[in-house]
Amino acid sequence: MGERKNVLLTDIIGILIAEGVGALSGWLTRDGAKTYSTTIVQPPLSPPAVVFPVVWGILFALMGISAARVWRAPPSGARTRGLAIFGVQLAFNFCWSLLFFNLQAFGFALLWLLVLWALILWMLLTFRQVDKWAAWLQLPYLLWVTFAAYLNLGVWLLN
């Protein structure tokens, strides 16, 4: 029972950390996101605004569970490196929203997003060395950020 409780606790902590970063980012960019949805020309295939918090909520939960799985793994260089990359990419994710929504620096935000994409891939590959399920849990995030790069590029070109 103790092991199961530890798994649940680390999963909850991982989810709370990731969701907390996402919630803070969302709160800080709420005005910019409103401006974006009403005044910015959006590219084809842009989902309705209501889709984004739902998708990001799921992705942050998956990120948190994934990081918790790596945290529970035996100490190793890959574990340490993976968790460090997780922290860096989470910070990049947080800052992208500020660049894109609040500053509307769409070109710079796209470059930032490409770095974030590379960090996510690096994290995924590093997590794979530690826990294959942790890596798989990051795949939807990588795919969504790929789609976000398309949207970011479209917004930059159209505005």
N, C-alpha and C. Protein backbone atom coordinates (compact mmCIF):
# COMPACT_ATOMS: atom_id res chain seq x y z
N MET A 1 0.82 -1.20 0.00
CA MET A 1 0.00 0.00 0.00
C MET A 1 0.86 1.26 0.00
N GLY A 2 2.00 1.22 0.70
CA GLY A 2 2.88 2.38 0.78
C GLY A 2 3.43 2.79 -0.58
N GLU A 3 3.79 1.81 -1.40
CA GLU A 3 4.32 2.10 -2.74
C GLU A 3 3.25 2.76 -3.61
N ARG A 4 2.04 2.24 -3.54
CA ARG A 4 0.94 2.79 -4.33
C ARG A 4 0.63 4.24 -3.91
N LYS A 5 0.69 4.49 -2.61
CA LYS A 5 0.45 5.84 -2.09
C LYS A 5 1.54 6.80 -2.58
N ASN A 6 2.79 6.32 -2.62
CA ASN A 6 3.91 7.13 -3.10
C ASN A 6 3.73 7.47 -4.58
N VAL A 7 3.28 6.50 -5.37
CA VAL A 7 3.03 6.74 -6.80
C VAL A 7 1.96 7.80 -6.97
N LEU A 8 0.86 7.65 -6.26
CA LEU A 8 -0.23 8.62 -6.36
C LEU A 8 0.21 10.01 -5.92
N LEU A 9 0.96 10.08 -4.84
CA LEU A 9 1.42 11.37 -4.33
C LEU A 9 2.35 12.06 -5.32
N THR A 10 3.30 11.33 -5.89
CA THR A 10 4.22 11.96 -6.85
C THR A 10 3.46 12.36 -8.13
N ASP A 11 2.49 11.55 -8.55
CA ASP A 11 1.68 11.94 -9.71
C ASP A 11 0.92 13.23 -9.43
N ILE A 12 0.32 13.33 -8.27
CA ILE A 12 -0.44 14.53 -7.91
C ILE A 12 0.48 15.75 -7.85
N ILE A 13 1.65 15.60 -7.24
CA ILE A 13 2.59 16.71 -7.16
C ILE A 13 3.04 17.12 -8.57
N GLY A 14 3.36 16.14 -9.41
CA GLY A 14 3.76 16.45 -10.79
C GLY A 14 2.68 17.19 -11.55
N ILE A 15 1.44 16.72 -11.40
CA ILE A 15 0.31 17.38 -12.08
C ILE A 15 0.13 18.79 -11.55
N LEU A 16 0.19 18.97 -10.23
CA LEU A 16 -0.01 20.30 -9.65
C LEU A 16 1.07 21.29 -10.10
N ILE A 17 2.30 20.82 -10.20
CA ILE A 17 3.38 21.71 -10.66
C ILE A 17 3.12 22.14 -12.11
N ALA A 18 2.87 21.16 -12.98
CA ALA A 18 2.66 21.48 -14.40
C ALA A 18 1.40 22.32 -14.59
N GLU A 19 0.31 21.92 -13.95
CA GLU A 19 -0.94 22.68 -14.07
C GLU A 19 -0.81 24.08 -13.47
N GLY A 20 -0.03 24.19 -12.40
CA GLY A 20 0.19 25.50 -11.78
C GLY A 20 0.90 26.45 -12.72
N VAL A 21 1.90 25.95 -13.43
CA VAL A 21 2.61 26.79 -14.42
C VAL A 21 1.63 27.20 -15.52
N GLY A 22 0.85 26.24 -15.99
CA GLY A 22 -0.13 26.55 -17.03
C GLY A 22 -1.19 27.54 -16.57
N ALA A 23 -1.68 27.37 -15.34
CA ALA A 23 -2.70 28.27 -14.81
C ALA A 23 -2.16 29.68 -14.64
N LEU A 24 -0.94 29.79 -14.12
CA LEU A 24 -0.34 31.12 -13.95
C LEU A 24 -0.14 31.79 -15.30
N SER A 25 0.34 31.03 -16.27
CA SER A 25 0.52 31.58 -17.62
C SER A 25 -0.81 32.04 -18.19
N GLY A 26 -1.84 31.21 -18.04
CA GLY A 26 -3.16 31.57 -18.54
C GLY A 26 -3.71 32.81 -17.86
N TRP A 27 -3.49 32.91 -16.56
CA TRP A 27 -3.98 34.07 -15.82
C TRP A 27 -3.26 35.34 -16.26
N LEU A 28 -1.94 35.24 -16.44
CA LEU A 28 -1.15 36.41 -16.84
C LEU A 28 -1.44 36.86 -18.27
N THR A 29 -1.92 35.95 -19.10
CA THR A 29 -2.16 36.29 -20.51
C THR A 29 -3.64 36.39 -20.85
N ARG A 30 -4.50 36.41 -19.85
CA ARG A 30 -5.95 36.41 -20.11
C ARG A 30 -6.39 37.62 -20.94
N ASP A 31 -5.87 38.80 -20.65
CA ASP A 31 -6.26 39.98 -21.42
C ASP A 31 -5.70 39.91 -22.84
N GLY A 32 -4.45 39.48 -22.98
CA GLY A 32 -3.85 39.34 -24.30
C GLY A 32 -4.56 38.29 -25.13
N ALA A 33 -5.01 37.20 -24.49
CA ALA A 33 -5.73 36.15 -25.21
C ALA A 33 -7.09 36.66 -25.69
N LYS A 34 -7.74 37.49 -24.90
CA LYS A 34 -9.03 38.08 -25.33
C LYS A 34 -8.82 38.98 -26.54
N THR A 35 -7.79 39.81 -26.48
CA THR A 35 -7.46 40.69 -27.61
C THR A 35 -7.16 39.85 -28.85
N TYR A 36 -6.37 38.79 -28.66
CA TYR A 36 -6.00 37.90 -29.75
C TYR A 36 -7.25 37.33 -30.42
N SER A 37 -8.17 36.81 -29.62
CA SER A 37 -9.33 36.12 -30.19
C SER A 37 -10.30 37.07 -30.89
N THR A 38 -10.23 38.36 -30.58
CA THR A 38 -11.18 39.31 -31.18
C THR A 38 -10.58 40.18 -32.27
N THR A 39 -9.25 40.36 -32.30
CA THR A 39 -8.68 41.33 -33.25
C THR A 39 -7.65 40.75 -34.21
N ILE A 40 -7.13 39.58 -33.93
CA ILE A 40 -6.05 39.02 -34.74
C ILE A 40 -6.63 38.10 -35.82
N VAL A 41 -6.14 38.24 -37.06
CA VAL A 41 -6.52 37.35 -38.14
C VAL A 41 -5.85 36.01 -37.89
N GLN A 42 -6.66 34.95 -37.87
CA GLN A 42 -6.14 33.62 -37.55
C GLN A 42 -6.11 32.75 -38.80
N PRO A 43 -5.16 31.82 -38.85
CA PRO A 43 -5.02 30.97 -40.04
C PRO A 43 -6.11 29.90 -40.10
N PRO A 44 -6.25 29.27 -41.27
CA PRO A 44 -7.20 28.16 -41.39
C PRO A 44 -6.86 27.07 -40.36
N LEU A 45 -7.86 26.35 -39.95
CA LEU A 45 -7.76 25.26 -38.97
C LEU A 45 -7.59 25.74 -37.53
N SER A 46 -7.70 27.06 -37.30
CA SER A 46 -7.61 27.57 -35.93
C SER A 46 -8.82 27.08 -35.14
N PRO A 47 -8.57 26.39 -34.02
CA PRO A 47 -9.71 25.92 -33.22
C PRO A 47 -10.38 27.09 -32.49
N PRO A 48 -11.62 26.90 -32.05
CA PRO A 48 -12.27 27.93 -31.24
C PRO A 48 -11.50 28.13 -29.94
N ALA A 49 -11.59 29.32 -29.38
CA ALA A 49 -10.82 29.67 -28.18
C ALA A 49 -11.06 28.71 -27.02
N VAL A 50 -12.26 28.15 -26.92
CA VAL A 50 -12.60 27.26 -25.80
C VAL A 50 -11.77 25.96 -25.83
N VAL A 51 -11.24 25.59 -26.99
CA VAL A 51 -10.47 24.35 -27.12
C VAL A 51 -9.13 24.44 -26.39
N PHE A 52 -8.51 25.60 -26.40
CA PHE A 52 -7.15 25.73 -25.89
C PHE A 52 -7.01 25.39 -24.40
N PRO A 53 -7.85 25.94 -23.51
CA PRO A 53 -7.67 25.57 -22.10
C PRO A 53 -7.93 24.08 -21.83
N VAL A 54 -8.85 23.49 -22.59
CA VAL A 54 -9.13 22.06 -22.41
C VAL A 54 -7.91 21.24 -22.82
N VAL A 55 -7.40 21.51 -24.02
CA VAL A 55 -6.24 20.76 -24.52
C VAL A 55 -5.03 20.97 -23.61
N TRP A 56 -4.77 22.24 -23.25
CA TRP A 56 -3.61 22.50 -22.39
C TRP A 56 -3.77 21.87 -21.01
N GLY A 57 -4.98 21.85 -20.49
CA GLY A 57 -5.20 21.19 -19.20
C GLY A 57 -4.83 19.72 -19.26
N ILE A 58 -5.22 19.05 -20.33
CA ILE A 58 -4.88 17.63 -20.51
C ILE A 58 -3.38 17.47 -20.69
N LEU A 59 -2.79 18.32 -21.54
CA LEU A 59 -1.34 18.21 -21.80
C LEU A 59 -0.51 18.46 -20.55
N PHE A 60 -0.88 19.45 -19.74
CA PHE A 60 -0.14 19.71 -18.50
C PHE A 60 -0.27 18.54 -17.53
N ALA A 61 -1.44 17.92 -17.48
CA ALA A 61 -1.61 16.74 -16.62
C ALA A 61 -0.70 15.60 -17.09
N LEU A 62 -0.67 15.36 -18.40
CA LEU A 62 0.21 14.32 -18.94
C LEU A 62 1.68 14.64 -18.67
N MET A 63 2.05 15.92 -18.83
CA MET A 63 3.42 16.33 -18.52
C MET A 63 3.77 16.03 -17.07
N GLY A 64 2.85 16.36 -16.16
CA GLY A 64 3.10 16.15 -14.74
C GLY A 64 3.24 14.69 -14.39
N ILE A 65 2.38 13.84 -14.94
CA ILE A 65 2.47 12.40 -14.69
C ILE A 65 3.77 11.85 -15.25
N SER A 66 4.12 12.30 -16.45
CA SER A 66 5.34 11.86 -17.09
C SER A 66 6.58 12.21 -16.25
N ALA A 67 6.64 13.45 -15.80
CA ALA A 67 7.78 13.89 -14.98
C ALA A 67 7.81 13.12 -13.66
N ALA A 68 6.64 12.84 -13.08
CA ALA A 68 6.58 12.08 -11.83
C ALA A 68 7.12 10.66 -12.03
N ARG A 69 6.81 10.06 -13.16
CA ARG A 69 7.33 8.71 -13.46
C ARG A 69 8.86 8.73 -13.51
N VAL A 70 9.40 9.76 -14.14
CA VAL A 70 10.86 9.87 -14.22
C VAL A 70 11.44 10.14 -12.84
N TRP A 71 10.77 10.99 -12.08
CA TRP A 71 11.22 11.30 -10.71
C TRP A 71 11.33 10.02 -9.87
N ARG A 72 10.37 9.10 -10.03
CA ARG A 72 10.35 7.85 -9.25
C ARG A 72 11.39 6.83 -9.71
N ALA A 73 11.97 7.04 -10.87
CA ALA A 73 12.96 6.10 -11.40
C ALA A 73 14.23 6.15 -10.56
N PRO A 74 15.02 5.09 -10.59
CA PRO A 74 16.30 5.10 -9.87
C PRO A 74 17.20 6.24 -10.36
N PRO A 75 17.96 6.84 -9.46
CA PRO A 75 18.86 7.93 -9.86
C PRO A 75 19.79 7.52 -11.01
N SER A 76 19.94 8.41 -11.97
CA SER A 76 20.85 8.19 -13.11
C SER A 76 21.11 9.53 -13.77
N GLY A 77 22.08 9.56 -14.63
CA GLY A 77 22.36 10.78 -15.38
C GLY A 77 21.20 11.17 -16.27
N ALA A 78 20.58 10.17 -16.92
CA ALA A 78 19.44 10.45 -17.80
C ALA A 78 18.26 10.99 -17.00
N ARG A 79 18.04 10.45 -15.81
CA ARG A 79 16.94 10.94 -14.96
C ARG A 79 17.16 12.40 -14.59
N THR A 80 18.36 12.71 -14.13
CA THR A 80 18.70 14.09 -13.74
C THR A 80 18.58 15.03 -14.93
N ARG A 81 19.14 14.62 -16.06
CA ARG A 81 19.10 15.43 -17.28
C ARG A 81 17.66 15.62 -17.74
N GLY A 82 16.87 14.55 -17.73
CA GLY A 82 15.48 14.63 -18.17
C GLY A 82 14.67 15.59 -17.32
N LEU A 83 14.85 15.53 -16.01
CA LEU A 83 14.10 16.43 -15.13
C LEU A 83 14.54 17.88 -15.30
N ALA A 84 15.84 18.08 -15.55
CA ALA A 84 16.33 19.44 -15.82
C ALA A 84 15.74 19.98 -17.12
N ILE A 85 15.72 19.16 -18.15
CA ILE A 85 15.13 19.58 -19.43
C ILE A 85 13.65 19.85 -19.24
N PHE A 86 12.98 19.02 -18.45
CA PHE A 86 11.56 19.24 -18.15
C PHE A 86 11.35 20.64 -17.59
N GLY A 87 12.17 21.02 -16.62
CA GLY A 87 12.05 22.35 -16.02
C GLY A 87 12.31 23.47 -17.01
N VAL A 88 13.32 23.30 -17.84
CA VAL A 88 13.65 24.34 -18.84
C VAL A 88 12.52 24.47 -19.86
N GLN A 89 12.02 23.35 -20.36
CA GLN A 89 10.96 23.44 -21.37
C GLN A 89 9.68 24.00 -20.76
N LEU A 90 9.43 23.72 -19.48
CA LEU A 90 8.25 24.27 -18.83
C LEU A 90 8.36 25.80 -18.73
N ALA A 91 9.56 26.29 -18.44
CA ALA A 91 9.80 27.73 -18.40
C ALA A 91 9.64 28.34 -19.79
N PHE A 92 10.14 27.66 -20.82
CA PHE A 92 9.97 28.15 -22.19
C PHE A 92 8.50 28.18 -22.58
N ASN A 93 7.76 27.16 -22.18
CA ASN A 93 6.33 27.10 -22.45
C ASN A 93 5.63 28.30 -21.81
N PHE A 94 5.95 28.56 -20.56
CA PHE A 94 5.36 29.68 -19.81
C PHE A 94 5.64 31.00 -20.52
N CYS A 95 6.87 31.21 -20.93
CA CYS A 95 7.26 32.49 -21.55
C CYS A 95 6.67 32.67 -22.94
N TRP A 96 6.45 31.56 -23.66
CA TRP A 96 5.89 31.69 -25.01
C TRP A 96 4.55 32.41 -24.96
N SER A 97 3.70 32.05 -24.03
CA SER A 97 2.38 32.67 -23.93
C SER A 97 2.49 34.18 -23.73
N LEU A 98 3.44 34.59 -22.91
CA LEU A 98 3.64 36.03 -22.67
C LEU A 98 4.09 36.72 -23.95
N LEU A 99 5.03 36.10 -24.66
CA LEU A 99 5.54 36.67 -25.91
C LEU A 99 4.44 36.77 -26.96
N PHE A 100 3.67 35.72 -27.07
CA PHE A 100 2.66 35.64 -28.13
C PHE A 100 1.43 36.49 -27.81
N PHE A 101 0.83 36.28 -26.67
CA PHE A 101 -0.44 36.95 -26.36
C PHE A 101 -0.26 38.36 -25.83
N ASN A 102 0.63 38.55 -24.89
CA ASN A 102 0.75 39.88 -24.27
C ASN A 102 1.57 40.84 -25.11
N LEU A 103 2.69 40.38 -25.62
CA LEU A 103 3.55 41.27 -26.42
C LEU A 103 3.18 41.25 -27.91
N GLN A 104 2.46 40.23 -28.33
CA GLN A 104 2.11 40.02 -29.74
C GLN A 104 3.34 40.10 -30.63
N ALA A 105 4.45 39.56 -30.12
CA ALA A 105 5.70 39.47 -30.88
C ALA A 105 5.67 38.14 -31.63
N PHE A 106 4.83 38.05 -32.65
CA PHE A 106 4.53 36.79 -33.29
C PHE A 106 5.75 36.12 -33.94
N GLY A 107 6.61 36.89 -34.59
CA GLY A 107 7.81 36.32 -35.20
C GLY A 107 8.77 35.78 -34.16
N PHE A 108 9.03 36.57 -33.13
CA PHE A 108 9.93 36.11 -32.06
C PHE A 108 9.31 34.93 -31.31
N ALA A 109 8.00 34.98 -31.12
CA ALA A 109 7.31 33.87 -30.44
C ALA A 109 7.46 32.58 -31.25
N LEU A 110 7.44 32.68 -32.57
CA LEU A 110 7.62 31.49 -33.40
C LEU A 110 9.02 30.90 -33.22
N LEU A 111 10.04 31.76 -33.22
CA LEU A 111 11.40 31.27 -32.96
C LEU A 111 11.49 30.61 -31.58
N TRP A 112 10.87 31.25 -30.59
CA TRP A 112 10.84 30.72 -29.22
C TRP A 112 10.16 29.35 -29.21
N LEU A 113 9.07 29.24 -29.96
CA LEU A 113 8.32 27.99 -30.03
C LEU A 113 9.13 26.89 -30.69
N LEU A 114 9.93 27.23 -31.67
CA LEU A 114 10.79 26.23 -32.30
C LEU A 114 11.84 25.70 -31.33
N VAL A 115 12.36 26.59 -30.50
CA VAL A 115 13.29 26.14 -29.45
C VAL A 115 12.54 25.25 -28.46
N LEU A 116 11.33 25.65 -28.09
CA LEU A 116 10.51 24.83 -27.18
C LEU A 116 10.28 23.46 -27.80
N TRP A 117 9.96 23.39 -29.08
CA TRP A 117 9.73 22.12 -29.75
C TRP A 117 10.97 21.23 -29.64
N ALA A 118 12.14 21.81 -29.87
CA ALA A 118 13.39 21.04 -29.77
C ALA A 118 13.61 20.57 -28.33
N LEU A 119 13.30 21.41 -27.36
CA LEU A 119 13.44 21.02 -25.95
C LEU A 119 12.48 19.87 -25.60
N ILE A 120 11.26 19.94 -26.12
CA ILE A 120 10.30 18.86 -25.86
C ILE A 120 10.80 17.56 -26.45
N LEU A 121 11.30 17.60 -27.68
CA LEU A 121 11.84 16.39 -28.31
C LEU A 121 13.01 15.85 -27.51
N TRP A 122 13.91 16.72 -27.09
CA TRP A 122 15.07 16.30 -26.29
C TRP A 122 14.59 15.67 -24.97
N MET A 123 13.61 16.30 -24.33
CA MET A 123 13.06 15.75 -23.09
C MET A 123 12.44 14.38 -23.35
N LEU A 124 11.65 14.27 -24.39
CA LEU A 124 11.01 13.01 -24.72
C LEU A 124 12.05 11.91 -24.92
N LEU A 125 13.08 12.20 -25.68
CA LEU A 125 14.13 11.20 -25.94
C LEU A 125 14.91 10.86 -24.67
N THR A 126 15.11 11.84 -23.81
CA THR A 126 15.81 11.59 -22.54
C THR A 126 14.92 10.79 -21.61
N PHE A 127 13.65 11.15 -21.52
CA PHE A 127 12.71 10.38 -20.69
C PHE A 127 12.65 8.94 -21.16
N ARG A 128 12.74 8.73 -22.47
CA ARG A 128 12.69 7.37 -23.03
C ARG A 128 13.81 6.48 -22.48
N GLN A 129 14.94 7.09 -22.17
CA GLN A 129 16.05 6.32 -21.59
C GLN A 129 15.74 5.88 -20.16
N VAL A 130 14.81 6.56 -19.52
CA VAL A 130 14.49 6.31 -18.11
C VAL A 130 13.20 5.50 -17.97
N ASP A 131 12.16 5.89 -18.70
CA ASP A 131 10.84 5.27 -18.57
C ASP A 131 10.10 5.47 -19.89
N LYS A 132 9.88 4.40 -20.61
CA LYS A 132 9.27 4.52 -21.94
C LYS A 132 7.86 5.13 -21.89
N TRP A 133 7.07 4.81 -20.86
CA TRP A 133 5.74 5.39 -20.74
C TRP A 133 5.82 6.90 -20.52
N ALA A 134 6.81 7.34 -19.76
CA ALA A 134 6.98 8.78 -19.55
C ALA A 134 7.23 9.48 -20.88
N ALA A 135 7.99 8.84 -21.74
CA ALA A 135 8.25 9.42 -23.07
C ALA A 135 6.97 9.45 -23.90
N TRP A 136 6.23 8.36 -23.92
CA TRP A 136 4.98 8.31 -24.70
C TRP A 136 3.99 9.36 -24.24
N LEU A 137 3.96 9.64 -22.93
CA LEU A 137 3.03 10.64 -22.40
C LEU A 137 3.36 12.06 -22.90
N GLN A 138 4.58 12.26 -23.38
CA GLN A 138 4.98 13.57 -23.92
C GLN A 138 4.64 13.73 -25.40
N LEU A 139 4.33 12.64 -26.07
CA LEU A 139 4.08 12.72 -27.51
C LEU A 139 2.90 13.63 -27.87
N PRO A 140 1.75 13.57 -27.18
CA PRO A 140 0.68 14.52 -27.53
C PRO A 140 1.12 15.99 -27.39
N TYR A 141 1.95 16.27 -26.41
CA TYR A 141 2.48 17.62 -26.21
C TYR A 141 3.31 18.04 -27.41
N LEU A 142 4.20 17.17 -27.85
CA LEU A 142 5.04 17.48 -29.01
C LEU A 142 4.18 17.72 -30.25
N LEU A 143 3.17 16.89 -30.44
CA LEU A 143 2.28 17.05 -31.60
C LEU A 143 1.49 18.34 -31.52
N TRP A 144 0.99 18.69 -30.33
CA TRP A 144 0.22 19.92 -30.18
C TRP A 144 1.11 21.15 -30.42
N VAL A 145 2.34 21.11 -29.94
CA VAL A 145 3.25 22.24 -30.16
C VAL A 145 3.62 22.34 -31.64
N THR A 146 3.66 21.23 -32.33
CA THR A 146 3.86 21.26 -33.78
C THR A 146 2.71 22.01 -34.45
N PHE A 147 1.48 21.68 -34.03
CA PHE A 147 0.30 22.38 -34.54
C PHE A 147 0.32 23.86 -34.13
N ALA A 148 0.73 24.12 -32.91
CA ALA A 148 0.84 25.51 -32.43
C ALA A 148 1.84 26.30 -33.26
N ALA A 149 2.90 25.64 -33.72
CA ALA A 149 3.89 26.34 -34.57
C ALA A 149 3.24 26.73 -35.90
N TYR A 150 2.42 25.84 -36.45
CA TYR A 150 1.67 26.19 -37.67
C TYR A 150 0.78 27.41 -37.41
N LEU A 151 0.04 27.37 -36.30
CA LEU A 151 -0.85 28.49 -35.98
C LEU A 151 -0.06 29.78 -35.77
N ASN A 152 1.05 29.68 -35.05
CA ASN A 152 1.90 30.86 -34.78
C ASN A 152 2.42 31.44 -36.09
N LEU A 153 2.91 30.57 -36.97
CA LEU A 153 3.40 31.02 -38.28
C LEU A 153 2.28 31.71 -39.05
N GLY A 154 1.11 31.10 -39.05
CA GLY A 154 -0.03 31.69 -39.76
C GLY A 154 -0.39 33.06 -39.22
N VAL A 155 -0.42 33.19 -37.91
CA VAL A 155 -0.74 34.48 -37.29
C VAL A 155 0.31 35.52 -37.66
N TRP A 156 1.57 35.14 -37.62
CA TRP A 156 2.65 36.05 -37.97
C TRP A 156 2.51 36.54 -39.42
N LEU A 157 2.25 35.61 -40.32
CA LEU A 157 2.15 35.97 -41.74
C LEU A 157 0.90 36.80 -42.04
N LEU A 158 -0.19 36.52 -41.34
CA LEU A 158 -1.46 37.22 -41.61
C LEU A 158 -1.59 38.56 -40.89
N ASN A 159 -0.71 38.80 -39.92
CA ASN A 159 -0.84 40.03 -39.15
C ASN A 159 0.44 40.84 -39.23
